[in-house]
Amino acid sequence: SSRVLWTLAVTQLKKAMADTKQRPFPVINDSPTFLQVVGNLSLGDISKMALATAVAVPFGYYAGGRFLRVQNAWFLGSMGLVGGFGLGLQGSFNRLKGFSK
């Protein structure tokens, strides 16, 4: 039953994404490439990356044990950067497709 619900949700999402009439903002590029999405990053997207990294580094430092603090800070800092980059790409992609402003 959960598989049926998942399939319904995915098909509704695909229909909503395919129908340009339901998009609240004008479509800039209907099928952007990765480089176009990266080139469309705004200052807000870059600040999301910086914020995620800035939160992850001290958390990693203090969450690490006595001997792994620096390594843990580097690791979680890089994970925060990757996660923030993903959030930034999502915002940029949504702006290009007309789902956000």
N, C-alpha and C. Protein backbone atom coordinates (compact mmCIF):
# COMPACT_ATOMS: atom_id res chain seq x y z
N SER A 1 0.82 -1.18 0.00
CA SER A 1 0.00 0.00 0.00
C SER A 1 0.87 1.26 0.00
N SER A 2 2.02 1.23 0.68
CA SER A 2 2.89 2.41 0.67
C SER A 2 3.51 2.60 -0.70
N ARG A 3 3.73 1.51 -1.41
CA ARG A 3 4.28 1.61 -2.76
C ARG A 3 3.27 2.29 -3.70
N VAL A 4 1.99 1.99 -3.52
CA VAL A 4 0.95 2.61 -4.34
C VAL A 4 0.88 4.11 -4.04
N LEU A 5 0.95 4.47 -2.76
CA LEU A 5 0.92 5.88 -2.39
C LEU A 5 2.14 6.62 -2.95
N TRP A 6 3.29 5.96 -2.88
CA TRP A 6 4.51 6.56 -3.41
C TRP A 6 4.38 6.77 -4.92
N THR A 7 3.86 5.78 -5.63
CA THR A 7 3.69 5.89 -7.07
C THR A 7 2.73 7.03 -7.42
N LEU A 8 1.64 7.15 -6.68
CA LEU A 8 0.70 8.24 -6.92
C LEU A 8 1.34 9.61 -6.67
N ALA A 9 2.10 9.70 -5.61
CA ALA A 9 2.75 10.96 -5.29
C ALA A 9 3.76 11.34 -6.37
N VAL A 10 4.51 10.37 -6.85
CA VAL A 10 5.51 10.65 -7.88
C VAL A 10 4.84 11.06 -9.19
N THR A 11 3.76 10.38 -9.57
CA THR A 11 3.09 10.74 -10.81
C THR A 11 2.46 12.13 -10.71
N GLN A 12 1.90 12.49 -9.56
CA GLN A 12 1.34 13.83 -9.40
C GLN A 12 2.43 14.89 -9.46
N LEU A 13 3.58 14.59 -8.87
CA LEU A 13 4.68 15.52 -8.90
C LEU A 13 5.20 15.70 -10.32
N LYS A 14 5.31 14.61 -11.07
CA LYS A 14 5.76 14.70 -12.45
C LYS A 14 4.78 15.51 -13.30
N LYS A 15 3.48 15.31 -13.07
CA LYS A 15 2.47 16.09 -13.81
C LYS A 15 2.59 17.56 -13.47
N ALA A 16 2.77 17.87 -12.20
CA ALA A 16 2.87 19.27 -11.79
C ALA A 16 4.13 19.92 -12.36
N MET A 17 5.21 19.16 -12.41
CA MET A 17 6.45 19.71 -12.95
C MET A 17 6.39 19.84 -14.47
N ALA A 18 5.62 18.99 -15.13
CA ALA A 18 5.54 19.04 -16.59
C ALA A 18 4.60 20.14 -17.07
N ASP A 19 3.64 20.50 -16.28
CA ASP A 19 2.65 21.48 -16.68
C ASP A 19 3.15 22.88 -16.32
N THR A 20 3.50 23.65 -17.33
CA THR A 20 4.03 24.99 -17.08
C THR A 20 2.95 25.96 -16.64
N LYS A 21 1.68 25.65 -16.85
CA LYS A 21 0.60 26.55 -16.44
C LYS A 21 0.47 26.61 -14.92
N GLN A 22 0.89 25.57 -14.21
CA GLN A 22 0.76 25.53 -12.75
C GLN A 22 1.93 26.20 -12.05
N ARG A 23 2.94 26.60 -12.77
CA ARG A 23 4.11 27.21 -12.14
C ARG A 23 3.81 28.67 -11.81
N PRO A 24 4.09 29.08 -10.59
CA PRO A 24 3.72 30.45 -10.18
C PRO A 24 4.62 31.53 -10.77
N PHE A 25 5.80 31.19 -11.25
CA PHE A 25 6.74 32.17 -11.77
C PHE A 25 7.11 31.80 -13.20
N PRO A 26 7.62 32.73 -13.99
CA PRO A 26 7.97 32.41 -15.37
C PRO A 26 9.14 31.44 -15.45
N VAL A 27 9.07 30.55 -16.41
CA VAL A 27 10.13 29.56 -16.62
C VAL A 27 11.28 30.23 -17.35
N ILE A 28 12.47 30.14 -16.78
CA ILE A 28 13.66 30.71 -17.41
C ILE A 28 14.28 29.68 -18.34
N ASN A 29 14.41 28.45 -17.86
CA ASN A 29 14.99 27.37 -18.66
C ASN A 29 14.28 26.09 -18.24
N ASP A 30 13.64 25.44 -19.19
CA ASP A 30 12.84 24.26 -18.85
C ASP A 30 13.69 23.00 -18.61
N SER A 31 14.88 22.95 -19.19
CA SER A 31 15.76 21.80 -18.94
C SER A 31 17.19 22.30 -18.76
N PRO A 32 17.49 22.86 -17.58
CA PRO A 32 18.83 23.43 -17.37
C PRO A 32 19.88 22.35 -17.18
N THR A 33 21.08 22.66 -17.63
CA THR A 33 22.22 21.77 -17.40
C THR A 33 22.81 22.07 -16.03
N PHE A 34 23.74 21.23 -15.60
CA PHE A 34 24.37 21.42 -14.29
C PHE A 34 25.11 22.75 -14.23
N LEU A 35 25.82 23.08 -15.30
CA LEU A 35 26.57 24.34 -15.30
C LEU A 35 25.66 25.55 -15.28
N GLN A 36 24.49 25.46 -15.91
CA GLN A 36 23.54 26.56 -15.86
C GLN A 36 22.97 26.71 -14.45
N VAL A 37 22.72 25.60 -13.78
CA VAL A 37 22.20 25.66 -12.41
C VAL A 37 23.25 26.26 -11.48
N VAL A 38 24.51 25.84 -11.65
CA VAL A 38 25.58 26.39 -10.81
C VAL A 38 25.78 27.87 -11.12
N GLY A 39 25.69 28.25 -12.38
CA GLY A 39 25.84 29.65 -12.76
C GLY A 39 24.71 30.53 -12.26
N ASN A 40 23.60 29.96 -11.92
CA ASN A 40 22.44 30.71 -11.45
C ASN A 40 22.38 30.82 -9.92
N LEU A 41 23.40 30.36 -9.22
CA LEU A 41 23.41 30.45 -7.76
C LEU A 41 23.37 31.92 -7.34
N SER A 42 22.51 32.21 -6.39
CA SER A 42 22.38 33.59 -5.90
C SER A 42 23.19 33.76 -4.62
N LEU A 43 23.22 34.99 -4.13
CA LEU A 43 23.91 35.26 -2.88
C LEU A 43 23.25 34.51 -1.72
N GLY A 44 21.93 34.37 -1.77
CA GLY A 44 21.22 33.61 -0.74
C GLY A 44 21.60 32.14 -0.75
N ASP A 45 21.80 31.57 -1.95
CA ASP A 45 22.22 30.17 -2.04
C ASP A 45 23.63 29.98 -1.49
N ILE A 46 24.50 30.92 -1.81
CA ILE A 46 25.88 30.83 -1.31
C ILE A 46 25.90 31.02 0.20
N SER A 47 25.03 31.88 0.73
CA SER A 47 24.99 32.05 2.18
C SER A 47 24.45 30.80 2.87
N LYS A 48 23.57 30.04 2.21
CA LYS A 48 23.13 28.76 2.77
C LYS A 48 24.31 27.80 2.92
N MET A 49 25.18 27.78 1.89
CA MET A 49 26.36 26.91 1.96
C MET A 49 27.27 27.34 3.10
N ALA A 50 27.48 28.66 3.23
CA ALA A 50 28.36 29.16 4.29
C ALA A 50 27.77 28.89 5.67
N LEU A 51 26.47 29.06 5.80
CA LEU A 51 25.82 28.82 7.10
C LEU A 51 25.88 27.35 7.49
N ALA A 52 25.61 26.46 6.54
CA ALA A 52 25.66 25.03 6.85
C ALA A 52 27.08 24.62 7.26
N THR A 53 28.09 25.18 6.59
CA THR A 53 29.48 24.87 6.95
C THR A 53 29.83 25.45 8.31
N ALA A 54 29.41 26.69 8.54
CA ALA A 54 29.74 27.36 9.81
C ALA A 54 29.08 26.68 11.00
N VAL A 55 27.92 26.07 10.80
CA VAL A 55 27.26 25.35 11.89
C VAL A 55 27.90 23.98 12.09
N ALA A 56 28.31 23.34 11.00
CA ALA A 56 28.81 21.97 11.09
C ALA A 56 30.21 21.89 11.70
N VAL A 57 31.06 22.88 11.45
CA VAL A 57 32.44 22.80 11.94
C VAL A 57 32.50 22.80 13.47
N PRO A 58 31.91 23.76 14.17
CA PRO A 58 32.01 23.68 15.64
C PRO A 58 31.26 22.48 16.22
N PHE A 59 30.16 22.09 15.56
CA PHE A 59 29.47 20.89 16.03
C PHE A 59 30.37 19.68 15.94
N GLY A 60 31.07 19.55 14.81
CA GLY A 60 32.00 18.43 14.65
C GLY A 60 33.15 18.49 15.64
N TYR A 61 33.62 19.68 15.93
CA TYR A 61 34.73 19.82 16.87
C TYR A 61 34.32 19.38 18.27
N TYR A 62 33.16 19.84 18.72
CA TYR A 62 32.75 19.52 20.09
C TYR A 62 32.11 18.14 20.21
N ALA A 63 31.61 17.62 19.11
CA ALA A 63 31.03 16.27 19.15
C ALA A 63 32.10 15.20 19.09
N GLY A 64 33.26 15.55 18.55
CA GLY A 64 34.34 14.58 18.47
C GLY A 64 34.91 14.28 19.84
N GLY A 65 35.49 13.12 19.97
CA GLY A 65 36.11 12.77 21.24
C GLY A 65 37.36 13.59 21.47
N ARG A 66 38.05 13.28 22.52
CA ARG A 66 39.24 14.03 22.89
C ARG A 66 40.32 13.97 21.81
N PHE A 67 40.42 12.84 21.11
CA PHE A 67 41.50 12.66 20.14
C PHE A 67 41.06 12.90 18.70
N LEU A 68 39.78 13.06 18.46
CA LEU A 68 39.29 13.19 17.08
C LEU A 68 38.63 14.53 16.81
N ARG A 69 38.87 15.51 17.62
CA ARG A 69 38.15 16.78 17.46
C ARG A 69 38.46 17.45 16.13
N VAL A 70 39.70 17.58 15.77
CA VAL A 70 40.06 18.29 14.54
C VAL A 70 39.59 17.51 13.31
N GLN A 71 39.81 16.21 13.32
CA GLN A 71 39.37 15.40 12.17
C GLN A 71 37.86 15.44 12.02
N ASN A 72 37.14 15.39 13.13
CA ASN A 72 35.69 15.42 13.10
C ASN A 72 35.20 16.79 12.62
N ALA A 73 35.88 17.84 13.01
CA ALA A 73 35.49 19.18 12.56
C ALA A 73 35.67 19.31 11.06
N TRP A 74 36.79 18.80 10.54
CA TRP A 74 37.01 18.83 9.09
C TRP A 74 35.96 18.01 8.35
N PHE A 75 35.68 16.83 8.88
CA PHE A 75 34.72 15.95 8.21
C PHE A 75 33.32 16.56 8.19
N LEU A 76 32.83 16.99 9.35
CA LEU A 76 31.48 17.56 9.39
C LEU A 76 31.42 18.91 8.69
N GLY A 77 32.52 19.65 8.67
CA GLY A 77 32.54 20.89 7.91
C GLY A 77 32.38 20.63 6.42
N SER A 78 33.07 19.60 5.93
CA SER A 78 32.93 19.26 4.51
C SER A 78 31.53 18.71 4.21
N MET A 79 30.95 17.98 5.15
CA MET A 79 29.58 17.50 4.95
C MET A 79 28.59 18.66 4.95
N GLY A 80 28.83 19.65 5.80
CA GLY A 80 27.98 20.84 5.80
C GLY A 80 28.09 21.61 4.50
N LEU A 81 29.31 21.68 3.95
CA LEU A 81 29.50 22.35 2.67
C LEU A 81 28.78 21.62 1.55
N VAL A 82 28.88 20.31 1.53
CA VAL A 82 28.19 19.52 0.50
C VAL A 82 26.67 19.65 0.65
N GLY A 83 26.18 19.58 1.88
CA GLY A 83 24.74 19.74 2.10
C GLY A 83 24.26 21.13 1.73
N GLY A 84 25.03 22.15 2.07
CA GLY A 84 24.66 23.51 1.70
C GLY A 84 24.71 23.73 0.20
N PHE A 85 25.66 23.07 -0.47
CA PHE A 85 25.73 23.15 -1.93
C PHE A 85 24.50 22.51 -2.55
N GLY A 86 24.06 21.40 -1.97
CA GLY A 86 22.84 20.75 -2.45
C GLY A 86 21.62 21.64 -2.28
N LEU A 87 21.52 22.32 -1.14
CA LEU A 87 20.40 23.24 -0.91
C LEU A 87 20.45 24.42 -1.89
N GLY A 88 21.66 24.91 -2.14
CA GLY A 88 21.81 26.00 -3.09
C GLY A 88 21.43 25.59 -4.50
N LEU A 89 21.84 24.39 -4.89
CA LEU A 89 21.47 23.89 -6.22
C LEU A 89 19.96 23.72 -6.35
N GLN A 90 19.33 23.27 -5.29
CA GLN A 90 17.89 23.09 -5.32
C GLN A 90 17.18 24.43 -5.52
N GLY A 91 17.62 25.45 -4.81
CA GLY A 91 17.01 26.76 -4.98
C GLY A 91 17.24 27.33 -6.37
N SER A 92 18.44 27.17 -6.89
CA SER A 92 18.76 27.65 -8.23
C SER A 92 17.94 26.92 -9.29
N PHE A 93 17.84 25.62 -9.15
CA PHE A 93 17.06 24.81 -10.10
C PHE A 93 15.59 25.22 -10.08
N ASN A 94 15.05 25.42 -8.88
CA ASN A 94 13.65 25.81 -8.77
C ASN A 94 13.39 27.18 -9.38
N ARG A 95 14.35 28.10 -9.26
CA ARG A 95 14.18 29.40 -9.91
C ARG A 95 14.20 29.27 -11.42
N LEU A 96 15.10 28.45 -11.95
CA LEU A 96 15.17 28.27 -13.40
C LEU A 96 13.92 27.61 -13.95
N LYS A 97 13.33 26.70 -13.20
CA LYS A 97 12.15 25.96 -13.67
C LYS A 97 10.85 26.71 -13.40
N GLY A 98 10.89 27.80 -12.65
CA GLY A 98 9.71 28.60 -12.41
C GLY A 98 8.93 28.23 -11.16
N PHE A 99 9.54 27.49 -10.26
CA PHE A 99 8.84 27.08 -9.05
C PHE A 99 9.06 28.04 -7.88
N SER A 100 10.06 28.90 -7.97
CA SER A 100 10.29 29.89 -6.91
C SER A 100 10.88 31.14 -7.56
N LYS A 101 10.91 32.21 -6.78
CA LYS A 101 11.40 33.47 -7.33
C LYS A 101 12.78 33.75 -6.84
